[in-house]
Amino acid sequence: MKTIGKILFKILGIAALIYGILFAVFYWDLDGKFLYYIWEPMMIKRFDNMERRDATAMPYSMKENVEADFEA
């Protein structure tokens, strides 16, 4: 019986620790701060520096025929 009590107490302790961590994260909005201050600047830096073709430099006669999609 003592081992079951120790195991149960250990499980409750782990659950309390996880609850405390989650409470701190949501109370101080740490997930939102992470997204705003860390994740978003990394994504802006990555996607703003991507190579993209200039769609305005392509002559109009070379653009796809979109009208053919609607005829079917």
N, C-alpha and C. Protein backbone atom coordinates (compact mmCIF):
# COMPACT_ATOMS: atom_id res chain seq x y z
N MET A 1 0.82 -1.20 0.00
CA MET A 1 0.00 0.00 0.00
C MET A 1 0.86 1.26 0.00
N LYS A 2 2.04 1.18 0.64
CA LYS A 2 2.89 2.37 0.70
C LYS A 2 3.39 2.76 -0.68
N THR A 3 3.68 1.77 -1.52
CA THR A 3 4.19 2.09 -2.86
C THR A 3 3.10 2.74 -3.71
N ILE A 4 1.84 2.29 -3.54
CA ILE A 4 0.74 2.90 -4.30
C ILE A 4 0.56 4.35 -3.88
N GLY A 5 0.68 4.60 -2.59
CA GLY A 5 0.58 5.97 -2.07
C GLY A 5 1.70 6.85 -2.59
N LYS A 6 2.93 6.31 -2.64
CA LYS A 6 4.07 7.08 -3.15
C LYS A 6 3.89 7.40 -4.63
N ILE A 7 3.43 6.40 -5.38
CA ILE A 7 3.22 6.61 -6.82
C ILE A 7 2.13 7.63 -7.05
N LEU A 8 1.03 7.52 -6.30
CA LEU A 8 -0.08 8.46 -6.43
C LEU A 8 0.36 9.87 -6.04
N PHE A 9 1.14 9.98 -4.96
CA PHE A 9 1.64 11.28 -4.53
C PHE A 9 2.57 11.89 -5.57
N LYS A 10 3.40 11.05 -6.19
CA LYS A 10 4.32 11.52 -7.22
C LYS A 10 3.55 12.00 -8.46
N ILE A 11 2.50 11.27 -8.84
CA ILE A 11 1.67 11.66 -9.99
C ILE A 11 0.96 12.98 -9.69
N LEU A 12 0.43 13.12 -8.47
CA LEU A 12 -0.23 14.38 -8.10
C LEU A 12 0.75 15.54 -8.08
N GLY A 13 1.98 15.27 -7.63
CA GLY A 13 3.01 16.32 -7.61
C GLY A 13 3.38 16.77 -9.02
N ILE A 14 3.51 15.82 -9.92
CA ILE A 14 3.82 16.15 -11.32
C ILE A 14 2.66 16.93 -11.95
N ALA A 15 1.43 16.49 -11.67
CA ALA A 15 0.26 17.19 -12.20
C ALA A 15 0.18 18.62 -11.64
N ALA A 16 0.50 18.80 -10.37
CA ALA A 16 0.49 20.14 -9.76
C ALA A 16 1.57 21.02 -10.39
N LEU A 17 2.72 20.44 -10.66
CA LEU A 17 3.80 21.20 -11.31
C LEU A 17 3.40 21.64 -12.72
N ILE A 18 2.81 20.73 -13.47
CA ILE A 18 2.35 21.06 -14.82
C ILE A 18 1.26 22.13 -14.76
N TYR A 19 0.34 22.00 -13.82
CA TYR A 19 -0.72 23.00 -13.66
C TYR A 19 -0.13 24.37 -13.32
N GLY A 20 0.87 24.39 -12.44
CA GLY A 20 1.51 25.65 -12.07
C GLY A 20 2.21 26.30 -13.26
N ILE A 21 2.88 25.50 -14.06
CA ILE A 21 3.57 26.03 -15.25
C ILE A 21 2.55 26.59 -16.24
N LEU A 22 1.48 25.83 -16.49
CA LEU A 22 0.46 26.31 -17.42
C LEU A 22 -0.24 27.56 -16.90
N PHE A 23 -0.47 27.62 -15.59
CA PHE A 23 -1.08 28.81 -14.99
C PHE A 23 -0.20 30.03 -15.21
N ALA A 24 1.11 29.88 -14.98
CA ALA A 24 2.04 31.00 -15.17
C ALA A 24 2.08 31.43 -16.63
N VAL A 25 2.08 30.48 -17.54
CA VAL A 25 2.13 30.81 -18.97
C VAL A 25 0.91 31.62 -19.38
N PHE A 26 -0.27 31.20 -18.97
CA PHE A 26 -1.48 31.90 -19.39
C PHE A 26 -1.77 33.14 -18.57
N TYR A 27 -1.36 33.18 -17.29
CA TYR A 27 -1.60 34.36 -16.45
C TYR A 27 -0.80 35.55 -16.96
N TRP A 28 0.47 35.32 -17.29
CA TRP A 28 1.31 36.40 -17.79
C TRP A 28 1.37 36.45 -19.31
N ASP A 29 0.53 35.71 -19.98
CA ASP A 29 0.42 35.69 -21.44
C ASP A 29 1.78 35.44 -22.10
N LEU A 30 2.50 34.48 -21.58
CA LEU A 30 3.84 34.19 -22.09
C LEU A 30 3.80 33.61 -23.50
N ASP A 31 2.72 32.90 -23.84
CA ASP A 31 2.63 32.37 -25.19
C ASP A 31 2.43 33.49 -26.20
N GLY A 32 1.61 34.47 -25.88
CA GLY A 32 1.41 35.62 -26.77
C GLY A 32 2.67 36.46 -26.90
N LYS A 33 3.38 36.64 -25.79
CA LYS A 33 4.63 37.41 -25.83
C LYS A 33 5.68 36.68 -26.66
N PHE A 34 5.72 35.36 -26.55
CA PHE A 34 6.65 34.59 -27.37
C PHE A 34 6.34 34.77 -28.84
N LEU A 35 5.04 34.67 -29.19
CA LEU A 35 4.66 34.83 -30.59
C LEU A 35 4.97 36.24 -31.10
N TYR A 36 4.71 37.26 -30.27
CA TYR A 36 4.87 38.65 -30.71
C TYR A 36 6.33 39.08 -30.76
N TYR A 37 7.12 38.74 -29.74
CA TYR A 37 8.48 39.25 -29.66
C TYR A 37 9.53 38.33 -30.30
N ILE A 38 9.24 37.04 -30.42
CA ILE A 38 10.25 36.11 -30.93
C ILE A 38 9.84 35.49 -32.27
N TRP A 39 8.67 34.87 -32.32
CA TRP A 39 8.26 34.13 -33.51
C TRP A 39 7.97 35.07 -34.69
N GLU A 40 7.18 36.12 -34.47
CA GLU A 40 6.81 37.01 -35.57
C GLU A 40 8.02 37.70 -36.20
N PRO A 41 8.97 38.26 -35.41
CA PRO A 41 10.15 38.85 -36.06
C PRO A 41 10.97 37.84 -36.86
N MET A 42 11.05 36.59 -36.37
CA MET A 42 11.78 35.58 -37.14
C MET A 42 11.07 35.31 -38.47
N MET A 43 9.75 35.22 -38.45
CA MET A 43 9.00 34.95 -39.67
C MET A 43 9.04 36.14 -40.62
N ILE A 44 8.97 37.35 -40.09
CA ILE A 44 9.07 38.54 -40.94
C ILE A 44 10.44 38.59 -41.61
N LYS A 45 11.49 38.31 -40.82
CA LYS A 45 12.84 38.32 -41.37
C LYS A 45 12.99 37.28 -42.47
N ARG A 46 12.40 36.11 -42.26
CA ARG A 46 12.54 35.04 -43.25
C ARG A 46 11.74 35.33 -44.52
N PHE A 47 10.45 35.66 -44.36
CA PHE A 47 9.59 35.75 -45.53
C PHE A 47 9.71 37.09 -46.27
N ASP A 48 10.15 38.15 -45.59
CA ASP A 48 10.36 39.41 -46.29
C ASP A 48 11.61 39.38 -47.15
N ASN A 49 12.55 38.50 -46.85
CA ASN A 49 13.80 38.42 -47.61
C ASN A 49 13.77 37.32 -48.66
N MET A 50 12.62 36.70 -48.90
CA MET A 50 12.54 35.63 -49.90
C MET A 50 12.64 36.21 -51.30
N GLU A 51 13.24 35.43 -52.17
CA GLU A 51 13.32 35.82 -53.57
C GLU A 51 11.96 35.61 -54.22
N ARG A 52 11.46 36.63 -54.89
CA ARG A 52 10.18 36.53 -55.59
C ARG A 52 10.36 37.13 -56.98
N ARG A 53 9.65 36.54 -57.94
CA ARG A 53 9.73 37.14 -59.27
C ARG A 53 8.84 38.37 -59.31
N ASP A 54 9.23 39.33 -60.09
CA ASP A 54 8.49 40.58 -60.20
C ASP A 54 7.36 40.38 -61.20
N ALA A 55 6.14 40.35 -60.73
CA ALA A 55 4.99 40.12 -61.59
C ALA A 55 4.71 41.33 -62.48
N THR A 56 5.18 42.50 -62.10
CA THR A 56 4.93 43.70 -62.91
C THR A 56 5.90 43.80 -64.08
N ALA A 57 7.00 43.06 -64.04
CA ALA A 57 7.99 43.13 -65.13
C ALA A 57 7.61 42.23 -66.30
N MET A 58 6.67 41.31 -66.12
CA MET A 58 6.27 40.39 -67.17
C MET A 58 5.32 41.10 -68.16
N PRO A 59 5.59 40.98 -69.46
CA PRO A 59 4.69 41.59 -70.43
C PRO A 59 3.28 40.97 -70.33
N TYR A 60 2.28 41.76 -70.61
CA TYR A 60 0.90 41.30 -70.46
C TYR A 60 0.58 40.15 -71.41
N SER A 61 1.20 40.13 -72.58
CA SER A 61 0.91 39.07 -73.55
C SER A 61 1.42 37.70 -73.08
N MET A 62 2.32 37.66 -72.12
CA MET A 62 2.87 36.38 -71.64
C MET A 62 2.08 35.82 -70.47
N LYS A 63 1.11 36.56 -69.96
CA LYS A 63 0.34 36.07 -68.81
C LYS A 63 -0.56 34.93 -69.24
N GLU A 64 -0.96 34.12 -68.26
CA GLU A 64 -1.78 32.95 -68.54
C GLU A 64 -3.15 33.35 -69.08
N ASN A 65 -3.71 32.47 -69.86
CA ASN A 65 -5.05 32.71 -70.39
C ASN A 65 -6.06 32.23 -69.34
N VAL A 66 -6.60 33.14 -68.59
CA VAL A 66 -7.53 32.78 -67.51
C VAL A 66 -8.92 32.54 -68.06
N GLU A 67 -9.18 33.08 -69.20
CA GLU A 67 -10.51 32.94 -69.79
C GLU A 67 -10.83 31.50 -70.17
N ALA A 68 -9.79 30.73 -70.47
CA ALA A 68 -10.01 29.33 -70.86
C ALA A 68 -10.54 28.50 -69.71
N ASP A 69 -10.29 28.88 -68.48
CA ASP A 69 -10.78 28.14 -67.33
C ASP A 69 -12.30 28.25 -67.19
N PHE A 70 -12.88 29.32 -67.65
CA PHE A 70 -14.31 29.54 -67.45
C PHE A 70 -15.16 29.00 -68.60
N GLU A 71 -14.55 28.64 -69.71
CA GLU A 71 -15.30 28.15 -70.86
C GLU A 71 -15.79 26.71 -70.67
N ALA A 72 -15.11 25.93 -69.87
CA ALA A 72 -15.45 24.50 -69.72
C ALA A 72 -16.68 24.26 -68.91
